[in-house]
Every structure is written in C-alpha cells, then in structure tokens.
C-alpha cells in the first residue's frame, strides 16, 4: 500500500512539474516579462529594485507561477483521477510545493532544469503540513488514511536522545523510503518543536576556533589545541568497483539495444521528436541496484565522517572562522577528491552543528585576507600548491594548512573590509607555535607507519632535512 501511494505521489509530482515548467516558459516568452527584465536593477533596497521586484511579482501571479497556484493545480489533478483515493490534501499540497521549488531554482539559475522522476526512481519521501490530519504521529505509531504503522524504537537509546525528543510536540511527519541491500525499508521522521538534545559525550568549548579546509586535508586551530588530519579519511575508495559495474551496464545496454547506436558506437539522435526506446534486461537492473547500493554506502560513510570532524572542530571553539571558498572551483580542479569528500556538504553540516551548540560560522573572503600567502610579519608571497610549508625570513616555519588556520583566528572586519590583524597574530604566535608542532606529530602518529598524504608536506620536509 505504501509503494502504491508513493507511486501516486510520483505521478502527481511529474504532472505538477510539467505544468510548472510550461507556465515558466510562457512567462519568460511574454512581452511584459521581457520589458521587466530591461528595467533598471538598482541597488538592494533602492526604489528601482523594489519597482522591478514588484513588476516581476505581478507577472508571476498573472501567469499562475506561484506556490499557491501550483498547490491548487496539484489538488485539481488529484481529485480528477485515481490518485485522490491514496493521497490526502496536505501531502498533495506538499508535492505541489516541491515541484514549484524545483522550477523556481531553475528560474533563478541556482539549479539545472528539473527532471521528471522515472518509475524506477520514485519519490524518496512524502510529508504533511501538520500533525492534525493526513500523515500524523499518535503515541507510538504513524497514521495515514486508514493505515496504522507501528514504529520500531532503538531499544538501547544510549544517549537518551530518543526519549528526550519524544517529550516535545510533533509539528509534522515525514515518511522516508530507503533501499538497503536491495530491500525496501520505511522510516518515519518526526519534525519536533524545541531544541535538539546535545549528547553528553560531545564537549563544546565556548570561544573562537578556525579551520582551513582543502580537497583532501583539514586543519583546525584554537588558543588551546590544534589538529591536522586527512579529510574524510575513513571513506572507502569504491570507485574501482563502481567503474567495473558501469562498464558491465554499458555492455548490457548496448547488447539489448543495438538499433539505438551508430556504427561508431555513439547513441543515435531521436528523429521527428520521438524518443529512443530502451530495453533493460534483468541483469542490467541487478547491476544498477548494486551501483546504487555502493553510492549509498559512500554517502553513509561520508555523513559519518562529516559528523565526527564537525564535533572535533566544535570541541575547539563554537565560533568557527573559515575562508569563504568556491566549491565549484574545487570541482574543476580536484574533481575526484570533491566527489568523494564533499567539502561543501561538510561546511553545511558544521554550520548546523555550530548553531545547535549556540555558536556560529563566520566566513570571510579570500581576496582581501590571502592567508595562504601571508605571514604575521606582513610579508605576502604567493606560493605554489606543491609548497606545503610556510617558511619566512622572519623565522616563522609551520605547516601551511595549520598556519593558515592560525591566521584565520586573527582576521577581523574593519569598515566593511575583512583583513588580517598582523599585530594580534604576532602576539599570539609564541603560545600557538608548540600546538602546531604537536598537531603535525599527531598526524604522523595517526598514520601508524602508513603512507602520509602528500598534501601534508611532511615527507617533503623530511627529505629536505
């Protein structure tokens, strides 16, 4: 029954998304939209900017490209067919909102053109808008349109998180479908009022800390401690297995659909607007499920590593200083490393952790601070990426990532411009120099005789010595 309802949600989502994209295309083709685009943008908050925003708002309402209009369209679609027998009003409106947000991201160029969900890749979750009707939590079970699904609890609940959470009122529920080892598992997520419990084993130090994050390393420094470690060191390398499966999938796909390929092996282009028809064998479907499971394992390991590193950073200080980096540029330069470690996702995880602990993340631009090129004496020298140690004529010598994290502790905003306070950095260097050396020694000991990442620069330093 749950699979049928999720299939109904998928079909409804595709219908609403198609209508949203149609309205978006009509809106962009209209003359009033083209005229509004030519209006003066102005600065944020200026009369010109407000007038332009008002004009765009009127156009979207006239076309019907708003959240409420698409929610109404979703309700209309649901009531007109068999979907109305399986979905309630709140779940329907949430699906309409999801489709609208996908189209809106495409409108504002914060995401690509949204794709329709095929049958083999259905919705991963469905949720309500409140706990009063539709999907609702009652004591120890979930109720949804006549279904009563009893929940399985964590019997141990070692840290008391579960018992603490269930004391708060439920705002709404989310039903999640996950495929683990080829088997479908259902989970219920309760969105609760209040503040989540902070585990007793996790220490939080009030104060300032700073991090320097790279594609494969992360360094963190505070006034009392520092560490240098490989970024997401415990994430397994499954790319060889994934590539092998993808080659087998490609062979199966070519063998089952020889008419869809040209003589040179390229895929034929669809003719007369008709899409190519593909046939997938059972072997292909099994391979696709194996590949999906490997990607799920990678994501699970990555989330675990992100949580562990975030807790380590928060333990140094709940106010975290960090450079504002472009992770899209990271993808261009260090594609494989970013794919496996996801530094942008880690920063979002760290931001949530810091806010939960009562702190914050302060990001500053790299253009005015230039921490990797600067020294506390005021000298600025551009270094190649291969040079992993900071050596200055003033006598300062430290590992490059650790030293950049230390300098981030002494970045401040002056008149709207972020800059390095070199005087403060010089005063605090004597107390922190030994901590940075201890962090390098800790990184060597953590390797346990194994290979050290080249980004640490430790082996290159030993060869020079």
Foldseek 3Di string as FASTA:
>chain_A
DVLVLLLLLLVLLLVLLVVLVVLVVVLCPDPLNVVLVPFDCDDVPDPSVVVSVVSVVVSCVVSQLDLVSSLVVLVVVCVVDPSVLRADSFQSSVSSNVSSVQVVCCVVVVDPNDDRADPVRTDFKTKGQFQPDAFHDDDAWTDHNHDTGGDDDDPCCPQCQVVVQVVFDFGIKMWGWDQAPNRIDIDIDTDGDDAGDDGPVQAFDADEKEWEDDLFKIWIDDLPFIAIATFLPVQDPCVVVLVVLVVVLVVQQCVQCVVQADPVGHGDDDPPPDDDDTDHDPVNVVSVVVNVNSVVSLVVSLVVSLVVVLSVNRNRHLEYEYEDDDVVVVCVVPVVSCVRNVPVVSVVVSQVVSVSVVYGYDYAYCPAEVLLQADLVGGGHDDDLLDQWDDDPVGDIAGRRNSSRLQSSQWDADPNHIYGPSVVSVVSCVSCVVNRVVNLVVRVVVCVPPDDDSNRVPVVVVVVD
